[in-house]
Amino acid sequence: MKTIKTLIAASIFSLSMASVSYVQAGNDQLAQAIAGEHRSAENKARDQYRNPKQTLEFLGFNSSMTVVEITPGGGWYTEILAPALKGKGKLIGAHYPDTGEDNYYSNSRKKLVKKLAGNAVFSEVELSNFVPKKASELAPAGTADMVLTFRNLHNWGEEGVQQVFIDAHKALKSGGVLGVVEHRLPKGVAANDMNRGYVSVETTIAQAKAAGFELAGSSEVNANEKDKASYEKGVWTLPPRLALGDKDKEKYLAIGESDRMTLKFVKVPATY
C-alpha cells in the first residue's frame, strides 16, 4: 500500500514539475521577445508603464496559445506577442480592414501590414478583420485561447464594447481568456471632459458578464497612483501623447502613463 501511495505521489510530483517546466519555457520565450533587438529603444522605454511580461503572465499567457490581439494599432504589443508565440502558437491581429479609402482605419491597416512585412519576426502573424460596433469574426469560432485588448475600450463606446465582448466570446474556446487593459476611471467619478479616455471598471465588468464571461481576477500591475485622471485634454494629456505639447511637459512626464485596470475574464459556455 505504501509503495502505491509513493508511486502516486511521485507521479503527481513529476506532472507538477513538467507543468512548471512548460510554463517556464513559455516565460523564457516571452522574456526573449521583450528583450529582442527588433524592438526600438523608444518602445522598450514604455515597458516601465506597460509591464508586458507581468501583464501577460497574470493573464495566463504561454507560447503555445492561439492569441487574438484586437486592433494592434502601431504594433507595440505585436512586437512582443509575435516572437513570443512564433513556432509554437499563433497570433491573429484583428485589425480594421483596408477598404481602399484614405481614412484612419484603412491607413492603420496599411501601416501594420507594412510593419509585419518588414521583419521576419512577424512572419507567422495572421490578420483578421475587425469592424467597430459591428459583428466581426476575430478568429474562427471556438479556436482562440486568449483574446487581448489594450487601451481600446474608450474608442468604441458602450455599444461597441458590448459587441467586441460578444465577438471575443465566440472566438474563444470554452475556458478561454479575455484580457483587458484600459485607462481606469476613478471609482464613483462621473465621466466628464477632464477625464475623457478613462473607463469605468464596474461598467467593463458588467459588459463582460453580459457577454458570457466571468471575472477571474484583476491586477494592479498597471496601476499608477500619480495619475489623478483630470486633465485639460483628458488621458491624452499624459505621455506618450502629451497633447498639450510643451505646456507643463515635465509635470506630465513625471506622472507617467495612465492608471490602468488589468482584468482577466474567462469564457462561460453559451449557445448562440
C-alpha atoms as a PDB file:
ATOM      1  CA  MET A   1       0.000   0.000   0.000  1.00  0.00           C
ATOM      2  CA  LYS A   2       2.813   2.329   0.930  1.00  0.00           C
ATOM      3  CA  THR A   3       4.515   1.606  -2.397  1.00  0.00           C
ATOM      4  CA  ILE A   4       1.360   2.511  -4.358  1.00  0.00           C
ATOM      5  CA  LYS A   5       0.983   5.783  -2.456  1.00  0.00           C
ATOM      6  CA  THR A   6       4.630   6.537  -3.055  1.00  0.00           C
ATOM      7  CA  LEU A   7       4.246   5.909  -6.792  1.00  0.00           C
ATOM      8  CA  ILE A   8       1.149   8.111  -6.983  1.00  0.00           C
ATOM      9  CA  ALA A   9       2.911  10.885  -5.108  1.00  0.00           C
ATOM     10  CA  ALA A  10       5.916  10.584  -7.394  1.00  0.00           C
ATOM     11  CA  SER A  11       3.690  10.732 -10.484  1.00  0.00           C
ATOM     12  CA  ILE A  12       1.923  13.845  -9.228  1.00  0.00           C
ATOM     13  CA  PHE A  13       5.275  15.449  -8.465  1.00  0.00           C
ATOM     14  CA  SER A  14       6.564  14.585 -11.958  1.00  0.00           C
ATOM     15  CA  LEU A  15       3.476  16.045 -13.624  1.00  0.00           C
ATOM     16  CA  SER A  16       3.758  19.158 -11.476  1.00  0.00           C
ATOM     17  CA  MET A  17       7.400  19.627 -12.375  1.00  0.00           C
ATOM     18  CA  ALA A  18       6.622  19.075 -16.070  1.00  0.00           C
ATOM     19  CA  SER A  19       3.947  21.752 -15.844  1.00  0.00           C
ATOM     20  CA  VAL A  20       6.378  24.163 -14.182  1.00  0.00           C
ATOM     21  CA  SER A  21       8.983  23.457 -16.873  1.00  0.00           C
ATOM     22  CA  TYR A  22       6.368  24.035 -19.597  1.00  0.00           C
ATOM     23  CA  VAL A  23       5.328  27.384 -18.139  1.00  0.00           C
ATOM     24  CA  GLN A  24       8.942  28.373 -17.584  1.00  0.00           C
ATOM     25  CA  ALA A  25       9.766  27.621 -21.233  1.00  0.00           C
ATOM     26  CA  GLY A  26       6.889  29.848 -22.314  1.00  0.00           C
ATOM     27  CA  ASN A  27       8.034  32.594 -19.965  1.00  0.00           C
ATOM     28  CA  ASP A  28      11.582  32.347 -21.307  1.00  0.00           C
ATOM     29  CA  GLN A  29      10.348  32.865 -24.869  1.00  0.00           C
ATOM     30  CA  LEU A  30       8.262  35.818 -23.689  1.00  0.00           C
ATOM     31  CA  ALA A  31      11.254  37.369 -21.905  1.00  0.00           C
ATOM     32  CA  GLN A  32      13.387  36.927 -25.021  1.00  0.00           C
ATOM     33  CA  ALA A  33      10.699  38.596 -27.137  1.00  0.00           C
ATOM     34  CA  ILE A  34      10.556  41.593 -24.800  1.00  0.00           C
ATOM     35  CA  ALA A  35      14.345  41.946 -24.872  1.00  0.00           C
ATOM     36  CA  GLY A  36      14.528  41.426 -28.652  1.00  0.00           C
ATOM     37  CA  GLU A  37      16.635  43.692 -30.854  1.00  0.00           C
ATOM     38  CA  HIS A  38      13.677  44.169 -33.217  1.00  0.00           C
ATOM     39  CA  ARG A  39      12.087  46.450 -30.590  1.00  0.00           C
ATOM     40  CA  SER A  40      13.146  50.090 -30.640  1.00  0.00           C
ATOM     41  CA  ALA A  41      14.664  51.796 -27.603  1.00  0.00           C
ATOM     42  CA  GLU A  42      11.620  54.099 -27.609  1.00  0.00           C
ATOM     43  CA  ASN A  43       9.206  51.182 -27.344  1.00  0.00           C
ATOM     44  CA  LYS A  44      11.278  49.441 -24.682  1.00  0.00           C
ATOM     45  CA  ALA A  45      11.257  52.638 -22.635  1.00  0.00           C
ATOM     46  CA  ARG A  46       7.486  52.240 -22.253  1.00  0.00           C
ATOM     47  CA  ASP A  47       7.831  48.807 -20.634  1.00  0.00           C
ATOM     48  CA  GLN A  48       8.074  50.520 -17.241  1.00  0.00           C
ATOM     49  CA  TYR A  49       4.480  51.720 -17.662  1.00  0.00           C
ATOM     50  CA  ARG A  50       3.001  48.835 -19.633  1.00  0.00           C
ATOM     51  CA  ASN A  51       4.687  45.941 -17.813  1.00  0.00           C
ATOM     52  CA  PRO A  52       4.209  43.462 -20.663  1.00  0.00           C
ATOM     53  CA  LYS A  53       5.772  40.404 -19.006  1.00  0.00           C
ATOM     54  CA  GLN A  54       3.891  40.765 -15.735  1.00  0.00           C
ATOM     55  CA  THR A  55       0.662  41.632 -17.555  1.00  0.00           C
ATOM     56  CA  LEU A  56       0.749  38.640 -19.887  1.00  0.00           C
ATOM     57  CA  GLU A  57       1.812  36.255 -17.134  1.00  0.00           C
ATOM     58  CA  PHE A  58      -1.084  37.450 -14.962  1.00  0.00           C
ATOM     59  CA  LEU A  59      -3.473  36.724 -17.837  1.00  0.00           C
ATOM     60  CA  GLY A  60      -2.058  33.186 -18.149  1.00  0.00           C
ATOM     61  CA  PHE A  61      -0.196  33.613 -21.427  1.00  0.00           C
ATOM     62  CA  ASN A  62       2.003  30.824 -22.757  1.00  0.00           C
ATOM     63  CA  SER A  63       3.817  30.389 -26.058  1.00  0.00           C
ATOM     64  CA  SER A  64       1.648  27.565 -27.394  1.00  0.00           C
ATOM     65  CA  MET A  65      -1.599  29.534 -27.358  1.00  0.00           C
ATOM     66  CA  THR A  66      -3.684  30.913 -30.191  1.00  0.00           C
ATOM     67  CA  VAL A  67      -3.932  34.591 -29.270  1.00  0.00           C
ATOM     68  CA  VAL A  68      -6.037  37.349 -30.829  1.00  0.00           C
ATOM     69  CA  GLU A  69      -4.927  40.944 -30.376  1.00  0.00           C
ATOM     70  CA  ILE A  70      -7.760  43.354 -31.197  1.00  0.00           C
ATOM     71  CA  THR A  71      -6.725  46.488 -33.126  1.00  0.00           C
ATOM     72  CA  PRO A  72      -2.928  46.227 -32.771  1.00  0.00           C
ATOM     73  CA  GLY A  73      -2.505  49.869 -33.837  1.00  0.00           C
ATOM     74  CA  GLY A  74       1.175  50.592 -34.370  1.00  0.00           C
ATOM     75  CA  GLY A  75       2.097  47.117 -33.175  1.00  0.00           C
ATOM     76  CA  TRP A  76       3.607  47.895 -29.766  1.00  0.00           C
ATOM     77  CA  TYR A  77       2.295  44.675 -28.228  1.00  0.00           C
ATOM     78  CA  THR A  78       2.540  42.829 -31.551  1.00  0.00           C
ATOM     79  CA  GLU A  79       6.317  43.238 -31.340  1.00  0.00           C
ATOM     80  CA  ILE A  80       6.197  41.171 -28.156  1.00  0.00           C
ATOM     81  CA  LEU A  81       3.423  38.705 -28.918  1.00  0.00           C
ATOM     82  CA  ALA A  82       4.654  37.693 -32.381  1.00  0.00           C
ATOM     83  CA  PRO A  83       8.084  36.335 -31.343  1.00  0.00           C
ATOM     84  CA  ALA A  84       6.701  35.034 -28.032  1.00  0.00           C
ATOM     85  CA  LEU A  85       4.283  32.804 -29.990  1.00  0.00           C
ATOM     86  CA  LYS A  86       6.386  32.070 -33.055  1.00  0.00           C
ATOM     87  CA  GLY A  87       6.977  28.399 -33.770  1.00  0.00           C
ATOM     88  CA  LYS A  88       4.645  27.141 -31.039  1.00  0.00           C
ATOM     89  CA  GLY A  89       1.452  29.143 -31.055  1.00  0.00           C
ATOM     90  CA  LYS A  90      -0.385  31.594 -33.274  1.00  0.00           C
ATOM     91  CA  LEU A  91      -1.005  35.342 -33.247  1.00  0.00           C
ATOM     92  CA  ILE A  92      -4.001  36.829 -35.028  1.00  0.00           C
ATOM     93  CA  GLY A  93      -4.213  40.590 -35.320  1.00  0.00           C
ATOM     94  CA  ALA A  94      -7.885  41.569 -35.575  1.00  0.00           C
ATOM     95  CA  HIS A  95      -7.497  44.915 -37.272  1.00  0.00           C
ATOM     96  CA  TYR A  96      -9.548  47.387 -39.260  1.00  0.00           C
ATOM     97  CA  PRO A  97      -9.973  46.250 -42.876  1.00  0.00           C
ATOM     98  CA  ASP A  98      -8.299  48.098 -45.714  1.00  0.00           C
ATOM     99  CA  THR A  99     -11.258  49.353 -47.751  1.00  0.00           C
ATOM    100  CA  GLY A 100      -9.010  51.209 -50.165  1.00  0.00           C
ATOM    101  CA  GLU A 101     -10.169  54.550 -48.800  1.00  0.00           C
ATOM    102  CA  ASP A 102      -7.889  57.257 -47.468  1.00  0.00           C
ATOM    103  CA  ASN A 103      -9.077  57.231 -43.866  1.00  0.00           C
ATOM    104  CA  TYR A 104      -7.758  56.358 -40.407  1.00  0.00           C
ATOM    105  CA  TYR A 105      -8.979  52.758 -40.482  1.00  0.00           C
ATOM    106  CA  SER A 106      -7.570  51.792 -43.889  1.00  0.00           C
ATOM    107  CA  ASN A 107      -4.323  53.651 -43.284  1.00  0.00           C
ATOM    108  CA  SER A 108      -3.857  51.990 -39.912  1.00  0.00           C
ATOM    109  CA  ARG A 109      -4.213  48.568 -41.532  1.00  0.00           C
ATOM    110  CA  LYS A 110      -1.732  49.502 -44.282  1.00  0.00           C
ATOM    111  CA  LYS A 111       0.856  50.662 -41.754  1.00  0.00           C
ATOM    112  CA  LEU A 112       0.551  47.432 -39.800  1.00  0.00           C
ATOM    113  CA  VAL A 113       0.841  45.299 -42.939  1.00  0.00           C
ATOM    114  CA  LYS A 114       3.997  47.206 -43.891  1.00  0.00           C
ATOM    115  CA  LYS A 115       5.425  46.705 -40.415  1.00  0.00           C
ATOM    116  CA  LEU A 116       4.719  42.965 -40.477  1.00  0.00           C
ATOM    117  CA  ALA A 117       6.386  42.612 -43.870  1.00  0.00           C
ATOM    118  CA  GLY A 118       9.496  44.425 -42.693  1.00  0.00           C
ATOM    119  CA  ASN A 119      10.846  41.869 -40.237  1.00  0.00           C
ATOM    120  CA  ALA A 120      10.942  38.066 -40.221  1.00  0.00           C
ATOM    121  CA  VAL A 121       9.943  38.070 -36.559  1.00  0.00           C
ATOM    122  CA  PHE A 122       6.380  38.750 -37.762  1.00  0.00           C
ATOM    123  CA  SER A 123       6.353  36.082 -40.490  1.00  0.00           C
ATOM    124  CA  GLU A 124       3.735  33.880 -38.800  1.00  0.00           C
ATOM    125  CA  VAL A 125       1.291  36.639 -37.809  1.00  0.00           C
ATOM    126  CA  GLU A 126      -2.175  36.347 -39.346  1.00  0.00           C
ATOM    127  CA  LEU A 127      -4.692  39.170 -39.746  1.00  0.00           C
ATOM    128  CA  SER A 128      -8.471  39.119 -39.472  1.00  0.00           C
ATOM    129  CA  ASN A 129     -10.962  41.936 -39.972  1.00  0.00           C
ATOM    130  CA  PHE A 130     -12.432  43.896 -37.089  1.00  0.00           C
ATOM    131  CA  VAL A 131     -15.165  46.455 -37.718  1.00  0.00           C
ATOM    132  CA  PRO A 132     -16.099  48.638 -34.718  1.00  0.00           C
ATOM    133  CA  LYS A 133     -19.697  48.314 -33.491  1.00  0.00           C
ATOM    134  CA  LYS A 134     -20.431  45.518 -35.980  1.00  0.00           C
ATOM    135  CA  ALA A 135     -20.269  41.752 -35.519  1.00  0.00           C
ATOM    136  CA  SER A 136     -16.754  40.628 -36.508  1.00  0.00           C
ATOM    137  CA  GLU A 137     -15.083  37.231 -36.754  1.00  0.00           C
ATOM    138  CA  LEU A 138     -11.935  37.879 -34.749  1.00  0.00           C
ATOM    139  CA  ALA A 139     -10.947  34.232 -35.245  1.00  0.00           C
ATOM    140  CA  PRO A 140     -12.863  31.101 -36.272  1.00  0.00           C
ATOM    141  CA  ALA A 141     -15.415  30.283 -33.577  1.00  0.00           C
ATOM    142  CA  GLY A 142     -14.043  28.393 -30.601  1.00  0.00           C
ATOM    143  CA  THR A 143     -10.401  28.397 -31.730  1.00  0.00           C
ATOM    144  CA  ALA A 144      -8.698  31.084 -29.634  1.00  0.00           C
ATOM    145  CA  ASP A 145      -7.139  30.521 -26.215  1.00  0.00           C
ATOM    146  CA  MET A 146      -6.837  34.227 -25.461  1.00  0.00           C
ATOM    147  CA  VAL A 147      -8.257  37.498 -26.773  1.00  0.00           C
ATOM    148  CA  LEU A 148      -6.479  40.694 -25.757  1.00  0.00           C
ATOM    149  CA  THR A 149      -7.373  44.353 -25.961  1.00  0.00           C
ATOM    150  CA  PHE A 150      -5.022  47.089 -24.793  1.00  0.00           C
ATOM    151  CA  ARG A 151      -6.343  50.629 -24.249  1.00  0.00           C
ATOM    152  CA  ASN A 152      -9.115  50.343 -26.828  1.00  0.00           C
ATOM    153  CA  LEU A 153     -12.436  50.345 -24.967  1.00  0.00           C
ATOM    154  CA  HIS A 154     -12.634  54.139 -24.800  1.00  0.00           C
ATOM    155  CA  ASN A 155     -12.633  54.272 -28.612  1.00  0.00           C
ATOM    156  CA  TRP A 156     -15.656  52.019 -29.064  1.00  0.00           C
ATOM    157  CA  GLY A 157     -18.345  53.374 -26.736  1.00  0.00           C
ATOM    158  CA  GLU A 158     -20.593  51.152 -24.618  1.00  0.00           C
ATOM    159  CA  GLU A 159     -22.431  49.654 -27.600  1.00  0.00           C
ATOM    160  CA  GLY A 160     -19.168  48.924 -29.370  1.00  0.00           C
ATOM    161  CA  VAL A 161     -17.553  47.351 -26.314  1.00  0.00           C
ATOM    162  CA  GLN A 162     -20.561  45.094 -25.826  1.00  0.00           C
ATOM    163  CA  GLN A 163     -20.255  43.869 -29.428  1.00  0.00           C
ATOM    164  CA  VAL A 164     -16.491  43.303 -29.053  1.00  0.00           C
ATOM    165  CA  PHE A 165     -17.048  41.185 -25.960  1.00  0.00           C
ATOM    166  CA  ILE A 166     -19.671  39.116 -27.794  1.00  0.00           C
ATOM    167  CA  ASP A 167     -17.231  38.623 -30.698  1.00  0.00           C
ATOM    168  CA  ALA A 168     -14.465  37.633 -28.275  1.00  0.00           C
ATOM    169  CA  HIS A 169     -16.737  35.107 -26.570  1.00  0.00           C
ATOM    170  CA  LYS A 170     -17.479  33.475 -29.930  1.00  0.00           C
ATOM    171  CA  ALA A 171     -13.801  33.331 -30.916  1.00  0.00           C
ATOM    172  CA  LEU A 172     -12.637  31.774 -27.648  1.00  0.00           C
ATOM    173  CA  LYS A 173     -12.561  28.156 -26.624  1.00  0.00           C
ATOM    174  CA  SER A 174     -14.548  27.195 -23.538  1.00  0.00           C
ATOM    175  CA  GLY A 175     -12.486  28.438 -20.605  1.00  0.00           C
ATOM    176  CA  GLY A 176     -10.554  30.819 -22.849  1.00  0.00           C
ATOM    177  CA  VAL A 177      -9.339  34.153 -21.519  1.00  0.00           C
ATOM    178  CA  LEU A 178     -10.353  37.702 -22.396  1.00  0.00           C
ATOM    179  CA  GLY A 179      -7.671  40.117 -21.185  1.00  0.00           C
ATOM    180  CA  VAL A 180      -8.496  43.808 -20.863  1.00  0.00           C
ATOM    181  CA  VAL A 181      -6.110  46.675 -20.107  1.00  0.00           C
ATOM    182  CA  GLU A 182      -7.686  50.133 -20.111  1.00  0.00           C
ATOM    183  CA  HIS A 183      -7.348  53.644 -18.690  1.00  0.00           C
ATOM    184  CA  ARG A 184      -9.170  53.472 -15.353  1.00  0.00           C
ATOM    185  CA  LEU A 185     -11.830  55.983 -14.324  1.00  0.00           C
ATOM    186  CA  PRO A 186     -11.652  56.509 -10.545  1.00  0.00           C
ATOM    187  CA  LYS A 187     -14.443  54.720  -8.719  1.00  0.00           C
ATOM    188  CA  GLY A 188     -17.526  56.859  -8.164  1.00  0.00           C
ATOM    189  CA  VAL A 189     -16.360  59.592 -10.557  1.00  0.00           C
ATOM    190  CA  ALA A 190     -18.727  60.593 -13.364  1.00  0.00           C
ATOM    191  CA  ALA A 191     -17.401  60.912 -16.910  1.00  0.00           C
ATOM    192  CA  ASN A 192     -16.628  64.494 -17.963  1.00  0.00           C
ATOM    193  CA  ASP A 193     -14.409  66.470 -20.343  1.00  0.00           C
ATOM    194  CA  MET A 194     -11.475  66.386 -17.925  1.00  0.00           C
ATOM    195  CA  ASN A 195     -11.360  62.590 -17.741  1.00  0.00           C
ATOM    196  CA  ARG A 196     -12.015  61.735 -21.368  1.00  0.00           C
ATOM    197  CA  GLY A 197     -10.499  58.405 -22.344  1.00  0.00           C
ATOM    198  CA  TYR A 198     -10.920  56.834 -18.898  1.00  0.00           C
ATOM    199  CA  VAL A 199     -13.337  53.918 -18.486  1.00  0.00           C
ATOM    200  CA  SER A 200     -15.313  52.595 -15.522  1.00  0.00           C
ATOM    201  CA  VAL A 201     -14.117  49.257 -14.137  1.00  0.00           C
ATOM    202  CA  GLU A 202     -17.607  48.418 -12.915  1.00  0.00           C
ATOM    203  CA  THR A 203     -19.139  49.093 -16.340  1.00  0.00           C
ATOM    204  CA  THR A 204     -16.488  46.987 -18.065  1.00  0.00           C
ATOM    205  CA  ILE A 205     -17.089  44.041 -15.732  1.00  0.00           C
ATOM    206  CA  ALA A 206     -20.852  44.281 -16.253  1.00  0.00           C
ATOM    207  CA  GLN A 207     -20.417  44.351 -20.039  1.00  0.00           C
ATOM    208  CA  ALA A 208     -18.156  41.292 -19.978  1.00  0.00           C
ATOM    209  CA  LYS A 209     -20.573  39.371 -17.771  1.00  0.00           C
ATOM    210  CA  ALA A 210     -23.446  40.255 -20.108  1.00  0.00           C
ATOM    211  CA  ALA A 211     -21.461  38.697 -22.972  1.00  0.00           C
ATOM    212  CA  GLY A 212     -20.977  35.434 -21.056  1.00  0.00           C
ATOM    213  CA  PHE A 213     -17.710  35.961 -19.201  1.00  0.00           C
ATOM    214  CA  GLU A 214     -16.801  35.543 -15.565  1.00  0.00           C
ATOM    215  CA  LEU A 215     -14.253  37.785 -13.866  1.00  0.00           C
ATOM    216  CA  ALA A 216     -11.311  35.543 -12.975  1.00  0.00           C
ATOM    217  CA  GLY A 217      -9.120  38.226 -11.452  1.00  0.00           C
ATOM    218  CA  SER A 218      -7.792  41.772 -11.515  1.00  0.00           C
ATOM    219  CA  SER A 219      -4.254  43.056 -11.136  1.00  0.00           C
ATOM    220  CA  GLU A 220      -2.687  46.331 -10.083  1.00  0.00           C
ATOM    221  CA  VAL A 221       0.381  45.691 -12.218  1.00  0.00           C
ATOM    222  CA  ASN A 222      -0.504  48.669 -14.452  1.00  0.00           C
ATOM    223  CA  ALA A 223      -1.707  50.958 -11.687  1.00  0.00           C
ATOM    224  CA  ASN A 224      -0.315  54.488 -11.366  1.00  0.00           C
ATOM    225  CA  GLU A 225      -1.308  56.338  -8.203  1.00  0.00           C
ATOM    226  CA  LYS A 226       0.197  59.572  -9.572  1.00  0.00           C
ATOM    227  CA  ASP A 227      -2.499  59.732 -12.235  1.00  0.00           C
ATOM    228  CA  LYS A 228      -5.472  61.761 -10.949  1.00  0.00           C
ATOM    229  CA  ALA A 229      -7.492  61.337 -14.177  1.00  0.00           C
ATOM    230  CA  SER A 230      -8.424  65.016 -14.515  1.00  0.00           C
ATOM    231  CA  TYR A 231      -6.638  66.928 -17.261  1.00  0.00           C
ATOM    232  CA  GLU A 232      -7.369  69.569 -19.865  1.00  0.00           C
ATOM    233  CA  LYS A 233      -7.071  67.089 -22.733  1.00  0.00           C
ATOM    234  CA  GLY A 234      -8.209  64.022 -20.839  1.00  0.00           C
ATOM    235  CA  VAL A 235      -5.959  60.958 -20.739  1.00  0.00           C
ATOM    236  CA  TRP A 236      -4.092  62.183 -23.826  1.00  0.00           C
ATOM    237  CA  THR A 237      -2.559  64.946 -21.724  1.00  0.00           C
ATOM    238  CA  LEU A 238      -0.228  62.294 -20.305  1.00  0.00           C
ATOM    239  CA  PRO A 239       2.622  60.549 -22.134  1.00  0.00           C
ATOM    240  CA  PRO A 240       3.134  59.170 -24.635  1.00  0.00           C
ATOM    241  CA  ARG A 241       0.660  61.525 -26.360  1.00  0.00           C
ATOM    242  CA  LEU A 242       1.405  64.748 -24.401  1.00  0.00           C
ATOM    243  CA  ALA A 243      -1.499  66.534 -26.079  1.00  0.00           C
ATOM    244  CA  LEU A 244      -0.552  69.898 -24.570  1.00  0.00           C
ATOM    245  CA  GLY A 245       2.855  69.821 -26.213  1.00  0.00           C
ATOM    246  CA  ASP A 246       5.490  71.621 -24.160  1.00  0.00           C
ATOM    247  CA  LYS A 247       2.970  73.085 -21.724  1.00  0.00           C
ATOM    248  CA  ASP A 248       3.740  71.571 -18.302  1.00  0.00           C
ATOM    249  CA  LYS A 249       5.534  68.776 -20.154  1.00  0.00           C
ATOM    250  CA  GLU A 250       7.879  67.892 -17.293  1.00  0.00           C
ATOM    251  CA  LYS A 251       4.924  67.700 -14.913  1.00  0.00           C
ATOM    252  CA  TYR A 252       3.133  65.153 -17.079  1.00  0.00           C
ATOM    253  CA  LEU A 253       6.291  63.176 -17.775  1.00  0.00           C
ATOM    254  CA  ALA A 254       6.768  62.906 -14.022  1.00  0.00           C
ATOM    255  CA  ILE A 255       3.255  61.448 -13.706  1.00  0.00           C
ATOM    256  CA  GLY A 256       3.928  58.904 -16.439  1.00  0.00           C
ATOM    257  CA  GLU A 257       1.380  56.926 -18.430  1.00  0.00           C
ATOM    258  CA  SER A 258      -2.176  56.492 -17.183  1.00  0.00           C
ATOM    259  CA  ASP A 259      -3.505  54.457 -14.288  1.00  0.00           C
ATOM    260  CA  ARG A 260      -4.883  51.270 -15.849  1.00  0.00           C
ATOM    261  CA  MET A 261      -7.220  48.450 -14.939  1.00  0.00           C
ATOM    262  CA  THR A 262      -5.976  44.970 -15.829  1.00  0.00           C
ATOM    263  CA  LEU A 263      -8.808  42.441 -15.907  1.00  0.00           C
ATOM    264  CA  LYS A 264      -8.879  38.719 -16.649  1.00  0.00           C
ATOM    265  CA  PHE A 265     -12.175  37.195 -17.785  1.00  0.00           C
ATOM    266  CA  VAL A 266     -12.914  33.546 -18.570  1.00  0.00           C
ATOM    267  CA  LYS A 267     -15.440  32.321 -21.129  1.00  0.00           C
ATOM    268  CA  VAL A 268     -18.541  30.611 -19.853  1.00  0.00           C
ATOM    269  CA  PRO A 269     -20.054  28.276 -22.477  1.00  0.00           C
ATOM    270  CA  ALA A 270     -23.148  29.650 -24.209  1.00  0.00           C
ATOM    271  CA  THR A 271     -25.490  28.723 -27.043  1.00  0.00           C
ATOM    272  CA  TYR A 272     -25.631  31.138 -29.977  1.00  0.00           C
END
